[in-house]
């Protein structure tokens, strides 16, 4: 009896992290490399997090700026005007919508414009297709972000 209990505890202890890791792949929550449309190289690290049932995304690191600490959003308006890009919330109010997230917005810090947005996981949760648009999703563009691994 004691050996069964010990086995169950050991198996449960080992299986829990695997289950949590698998669960994390079904949601965009985590760290993502944004990719340049021009050269296909990573440009920033964005952390997607869930707060009160909504997803938001914060720039955690700039990978291409000459001096990331001094990079500010000079073309932004409202609460983001003149704010440092590192630490800035660029994705707001994304809610589950079937097999994707929608209803929110994404900011392009390069031009200061905000777009309606959708997000959808592909490739087993390793890629995130982020689409920004004005009016209808048909009139927009998509970027594919890459999930960061422990080794990135």
C-alpha atoms as a PDB file:
ATOM      1  CA  UNK A   1       0.000   0.000   0.000  1.00  0.00           C
ATOM      2  CA  UNK A   2       2.791   2.417   0.917  1.00  0.00           C
ATOM      3  CA  UNK A   3       4.585   1.675  -2.364  1.00  0.00           C
ATOM      4  CA  UNK A   4       1.438   2.499  -4.376  1.00  0.00           C
ATOM      5  CA  UNK A   5       1.079   5.798  -2.551  1.00  0.00           C
ATOM      6  CA  UNK A   6       4.759   6.609  -3.072  1.00  0.00           C
ATOM      7  CA  UNK A   7       4.452   5.711  -6.770  1.00  0.00           C
ATOM      8  CA  UNK A   8       1.349   7.888  -7.186  1.00  0.00           C
ATOM      9  CA  UNK A   9       3.023  10.836  -5.470  1.00  0.00           C
ATOM     10  CA  UNK A  10       6.197  10.452  -7.524  1.00  0.00           C
ATOM     11  CA  UNK A  11       4.272  10.148 -10.796  1.00  0.00           C
ATOM     12  CA  UNK A  12       2.073  13.128  -9.928  1.00  0.00           C
ATOM     13  CA  UNK A  13       5.088  15.233  -9.029  1.00  0.00           C
ATOM     14  CA  UNK A  14       6.759  14.407 -12.354  1.00  0.00           C
ATOM     15  CA  UNK A  15       3.605  14.732 -14.465  1.00  0.00           C
ATOM     16  CA  UNK A  16       2.475  18.101 -13.105  1.00  0.00           C
ATOM     17  CA  UNK A  17       5.154  20.209 -14.844  1.00  0.00           C
ATOM     18  CA  UNK A  18       4.539  18.359 -18.110  1.00  0.00           C
ATOM     19  CA  UNK A  19       0.826  19.074 -17.886  1.00  0.00           C
ATOM     20  CA  UNK A  20       1.435  22.727 -17.121  1.00  0.00           C
ATOM     21  CA  UNK A  21       3.848  23.025 -20.042  1.00  0.00           C
ATOM     22  CA  UNK A  22       1.341  21.432 -22.407  1.00  0.00           C
ATOM     23  CA  UNK A  23      -1.407  23.718 -21.124  1.00  0.00           C
ATOM     24  CA  UNK A  24       0.798  26.744 -21.778  1.00  0.00           C
ATOM     25  CA  UNK A  25       1.102  25.782 -25.451  1.00  0.00           C
ATOM     26  CA  UNK A  26      -2.672  26.224 -25.913  1.00  0.00           C
ATOM     27  CA  UNK A  27      -2.530  29.880 -24.975  1.00  0.00           C
ATOM     28  CA  UNK A  28      -0.381  32.756 -26.205  1.00  0.00           C
ATOM     29  CA  UNK A  29       0.702  33.503 -22.637  1.00  0.00           C
ATOM     30  CA  UNK A  30       4.497  33.629 -22.601  1.00  0.00           C
ATOM     31  CA  UNK A  31       7.382  35.331 -24.373  1.00  0.00           C
ATOM     32  CA  UNK A  32       7.487  35.895 -28.137  1.00  0.00           C
ATOM     33  CA  UNK A  33      10.030  37.135 -30.666  1.00  0.00           C
ATOM     34  CA  UNK A  34       8.499  39.616 -33.087  1.00  0.00           C
ATOM     35  CA  UNK A  35       9.920  39.243 -36.580  1.00  0.00           C
ATOM     36  CA  UNK A  36      10.930  41.967 -39.048  1.00  0.00           C
ATOM     37  CA  UNK A  37       8.975  42.016 -42.302  1.00  0.00           C
ATOM     38  CA  UNK A  38      12.095  43.355 -44.053  1.00  0.00           C
ATOM     39  CA  UNK A  39      14.714  40.740 -43.149  1.00  0.00           C
ATOM     40  CA  UNK A  40      12.931  38.014 -41.147  1.00  0.00           C
ATOM     41  CA  UNK A  41      15.080  38.594 -38.059  1.00  0.00           C
ATOM     42  CA  UNK A  42      13.801  39.004 -34.482  1.00  0.00           C
ATOM     43  CA  UNK A  43      13.241  42.652 -33.540  1.00  0.00           C
ATOM     44  CA  UNK A  44      11.737  42.553 -30.042  1.00  0.00           C
ATOM     45  CA  UNK A  45      10.601  40.312 -27.216  1.00  0.00           C
ATOM     46  CA  UNK A  46       6.951  40.697 -26.220  1.00  0.00           C
ATOM     47  CA  UNK A  47       5.465  39.122 -23.111  1.00  0.00           C
ATOM     48  CA  UNK A  48       1.831  38.086 -23.536  1.00  0.00           C
ATOM     49  CA  UNK A  49       0.038  37.790 -20.208  1.00  0.00           C
ATOM     50  CA  UNK A  50      -3.526  37.191 -19.066  1.00  0.00           C
ATOM     51  CA  UNK A  51      -5.183  39.704 -16.762  1.00  0.00           C
ATOM     52  CA  UNK A  52      -8.858  39.326 -15.804  1.00  0.00           C
ATOM     53  CA  UNK A  53      -9.556  37.033 -18.766  1.00  0.00           C
ATOM     54  CA  UNK A  54      -7.960  39.356 -21.334  1.00  0.00           C
ATOM     55  CA  UNK A  55      -4.567  39.098 -22.985  1.00  0.00           C
ATOM     56  CA  UNK A  56      -2.159  41.996 -23.105  1.00  0.00           C
ATOM     57  CA  UNK A  57       1.344  42.244 -24.506  1.00  0.00           C
ATOM     58  CA  UNK A  58       4.273  44.238 -23.154  1.00  0.00           C
ATOM     59  CA  UNK A  59       7.592  44.860 -24.921  1.00  0.00           C
ATOM     60  CA  UNK A  60      10.278  43.378 -22.672  1.00  0.00           C
ATOM     61  CA  UNK A  61      13.329  43.834 -24.895  1.00  0.00           C
ATOM     62  CA  UNK A  62      14.306  45.523 -28.153  1.00  0.00           C
ATOM     63  CA  UNK A  63      16.751  43.432 -30.155  1.00  0.00           C
ATOM     64  CA  UNK A  64      17.708  45.887 -32.920  1.00  0.00           C
ATOM     65  CA  UNK A  65      17.653  49.411 -31.479  1.00  0.00           C
ATOM     66  CA  UNK A  66      20.958  51.268 -31.175  1.00  0.00           C
ATOM     67  CA  UNK A  67      20.112  52.151 -27.569  1.00  0.00           C
ATOM     68  CA  UNK A  68      16.996  50.229 -26.474  1.00  0.00           C
ATOM     69  CA  UNK A  69      16.835  52.041 -23.130  1.00  0.00           C
ATOM     70  CA  UNK A  70      16.351  55.393 -24.877  1.00  0.00           C
ATOM     71  CA  UNK A  71      13.875  54.238 -27.548  1.00  0.00           C
ATOM     72  CA  UNK A  72      10.586  56.079 -27.060  1.00  0.00           C
ATOM     73  CA  UNK A  73       7.353  56.177 -29.026  1.00  0.00           C
ATOM     74  CA  UNK A  74       7.496  59.718 -30.364  1.00  0.00           C
ATOM     75  CA  UNK A  75       4.575  59.180 -32.761  1.00  0.00           C
ATOM     76  CA  UNK A  76       2.259  57.612 -30.175  1.00  0.00           C
ATOM     77  CA  UNK A  77      -0.700  59.431 -28.674  1.00  0.00           C
ATOM     78  CA  UNK A  78      -2.588  59.227 -25.399  1.00  0.00           C
ATOM     79  CA  UNK A  79      -0.992  57.396 -22.482  1.00  0.00           C
ATOM     80  CA  UNK A  80       1.767  56.019 -24.728  1.00  0.00           C
ATOM     81  CA  UNK A  81       3.024  59.376 -26.053  1.00  0.00           C
ATOM     82  CA  UNK A  82       6.747  59.727 -25.335  1.00  0.00           C
ATOM     83  CA  UNK A  83       6.757  56.471 -23.354  1.00  0.00           C
ATOM     84  CA  UNK A  84       9.753  54.157 -23.533  1.00  0.00           C
ATOM     85  CA  UNK A  85       9.053  51.263 -25.857  1.00  0.00           C
ATOM     86  CA  UNK A  86      10.589  48.730 -23.471  1.00  0.00           C
ATOM     87  CA  UNK A  87       7.865  48.255 -20.874  1.00  0.00           C
ATOM     88  CA  UNK A  88       5.122  49.594 -23.154  1.00  0.00           C
ATOM     89  CA  UNK A  89       1.863  47.675 -23.504  1.00  0.00           C
ATOM     90  CA  UNK A  90       1.400  47.228 -27.268  1.00  0.00           C
ATOM     91  CA  UNK A  91      -1.370  44.581 -27.183  1.00  0.00           C
ATOM     92  CA  UNK A  92      -4.553  45.303 -25.223  1.00  0.00           C
ATOM     93  CA  UNK A  93      -7.934  43.702 -24.479  1.00  0.00           C
ATOM     94  CA  UNK A  94      -7.640  40.476 -26.500  1.00  0.00           C
ATOM     95  CA  UNK A  95     -10.374  37.985 -25.564  1.00  0.00           C
ATOM     96  CA  UNK A  96     -10.912  34.328 -26.483  1.00  0.00           C
ATOM     97  CA  UNK A  97     -13.001  33.945 -29.643  1.00  0.00           C
ATOM     98  CA  UNK A  98     -13.265  30.307 -30.682  1.00  0.00           C
ATOM     99  CA  UNK A  99      -9.782  29.154 -31.698  1.00  0.00           C
ATOM    100  CA  UNK A 100      -8.312  32.664 -31.689  1.00  0.00           C
ATOM    101  CA  UNK A 101      -8.223  35.880 -29.655  1.00  0.00           C
ATOM    102  CA  UNK A 102      -9.859  39.086 -30.865  1.00  0.00           C
ATOM    103  CA  UNK A 103     -11.657  42.255 -29.803  1.00  0.00           C
ATOM    104  CA  UNK A 104      -8.483  44.030 -28.817  1.00  0.00           C
ATOM    105  CA  UNK A 105      -5.886  46.257 -30.361  1.00  0.00           C
ATOM    106  CA  UNK A 106      -2.216  46.342 -31.252  1.00  0.00           C
ATOM    107  CA  UNK A 107       0.080  49.345 -31.449  1.00  0.00           C
ATOM    108  CA  UNK A 108       2.843  49.715 -34.021  1.00  0.00           C
ATOM    109  CA  UNK A 109       5.480  51.729 -32.104  1.00  0.00           C
ATOM    110  CA  UNK A 110       7.226  52.671 -35.358  1.00  0.00           C
ATOM    111  CA  UNK A 111       4.309  54.755 -36.626  1.00  0.00           C
ATOM    112  CA  UNK A 112       2.325  55.274 -33.408  1.00  0.00           C
ATOM    113  CA  UNK A 113      -0.846  53.833 -34.954  1.00  0.00           C
ATOM    114  CA  UNK A 114      -3.243  51.488 -33.192  1.00  0.00           C
ATOM    115  CA  UNK A 115      -5.057  48.746 -35.094  1.00  0.00           C
ATOM    116  CA  UNK A 116      -7.813  46.286 -34.247  1.00  0.00           C
ATOM    117  CA  UNK A 117      -6.259  42.858 -33.854  1.00  0.00           C
ATOM    118  CA  UNK A 118      -6.664  39.105 -33.883  1.00  0.00           C
ATOM    119  CA  UNK A 119      -4.210  36.451 -32.702  1.00  0.00           C
ATOM    120  CA  UNK A 120      -4.134  32.754 -33.516  1.00  0.00           C
ATOM    121  CA  UNK A 121      -1.718  30.008 -32.471  1.00  0.00           C
ATOM    122  CA  UNK A 122      -0.305  27.686 -35.130  1.00  0.00           C
ATOM    123  CA  UNK A 123       2.350  24.952 -35.265  1.00  0.00           C
ATOM    124  CA  UNK A 124       1.373  23.430 -31.929  1.00  0.00           C
ATOM    125  CA  UNK A 125       1.516  26.770 -30.136  1.00  0.00           C
ATOM    126  CA  UNK A 126       5.038  27.635 -31.298  1.00  0.00           C
ATOM    127  CA  UNK A 127       3.944  30.419 -33.665  1.00  0.00           C
ATOM    128  CA  UNK A 128       1.456  33.227 -33.135  1.00  0.00           C
ATOM    129  CA  UNK A 129      -0.165  34.879 -36.142  1.00  0.00           C
ATOM    130  CA  UNK A 130      -0.930  38.470 -35.152  1.00  0.00           C
ATOM    131  CA  UNK A 131      -3.134  40.433 -37.547  1.00  0.00           C
ATOM    132  CA  UNK A 132      -3.614  44.175 -37.281  1.00  0.00           C
ATOM    133  CA  UNK A 133      -6.317  45.846 -39.339  1.00  0.00           C
ATOM    134  CA  UNK A 134      -8.556  48.857 -39.841  1.00  0.00           C
ATOM    135  CA  UNK A 135     -12.267  48.141 -40.281  1.00  0.00           C
ATOM    136  CA  UNK A 136     -12.360  44.532 -41.500  1.00  0.00           C
ATOM    137  CA  UNK A 137      -9.619  41.908 -40.993  1.00  0.00           C
ATOM    138  CA  UNK A 138      -9.464  41.681 -44.793  1.00  0.00           C
ATOM    139  CA  UNK A 139      -7.813  45.123 -44.787  1.00  0.00           C
ATOM    140  CA  UNK A 140      -4.733  44.515 -42.701  1.00  0.00           C
ATOM    141  CA  UNK A 141      -1.500  42.638 -42.426  1.00  0.00           C
ATOM    142  CA  UNK A 142      -0.256  39.706 -40.423  1.00  0.00           C
ATOM    143  CA  UNK A 143       2.992  38.963 -38.660  1.00  0.00           C
ATOM    144  CA  UNK A 144       4.046  35.611 -37.304  1.00  0.00           C
ATOM    145  CA  UNK A 145       5.744  35.750 -33.921  1.00  0.00           C
ATOM    146  CA  UNK A 146       7.911  32.893 -32.625  1.00  0.00           C
ATOM    147  CA  UNK A 147       7.555  31.516 -29.115  1.00  0.00           C
ATOM    148  CA  UNK A 148      10.767  31.930 -27.142  1.00  0.00           C
ATOM    149  CA  UNK A 149      12.258  28.841 -25.599  1.00  0.00           C
ATOM    150  CA  UNK A 150      14.206  28.534 -22.377  1.00  0.00           C
ATOM    151  CA  UNK A 151      17.417  28.714 -24.438  1.00  0.00           C
ATOM    152  CA  UNK A 152      16.576  31.973 -26.288  1.00  0.00           C
END
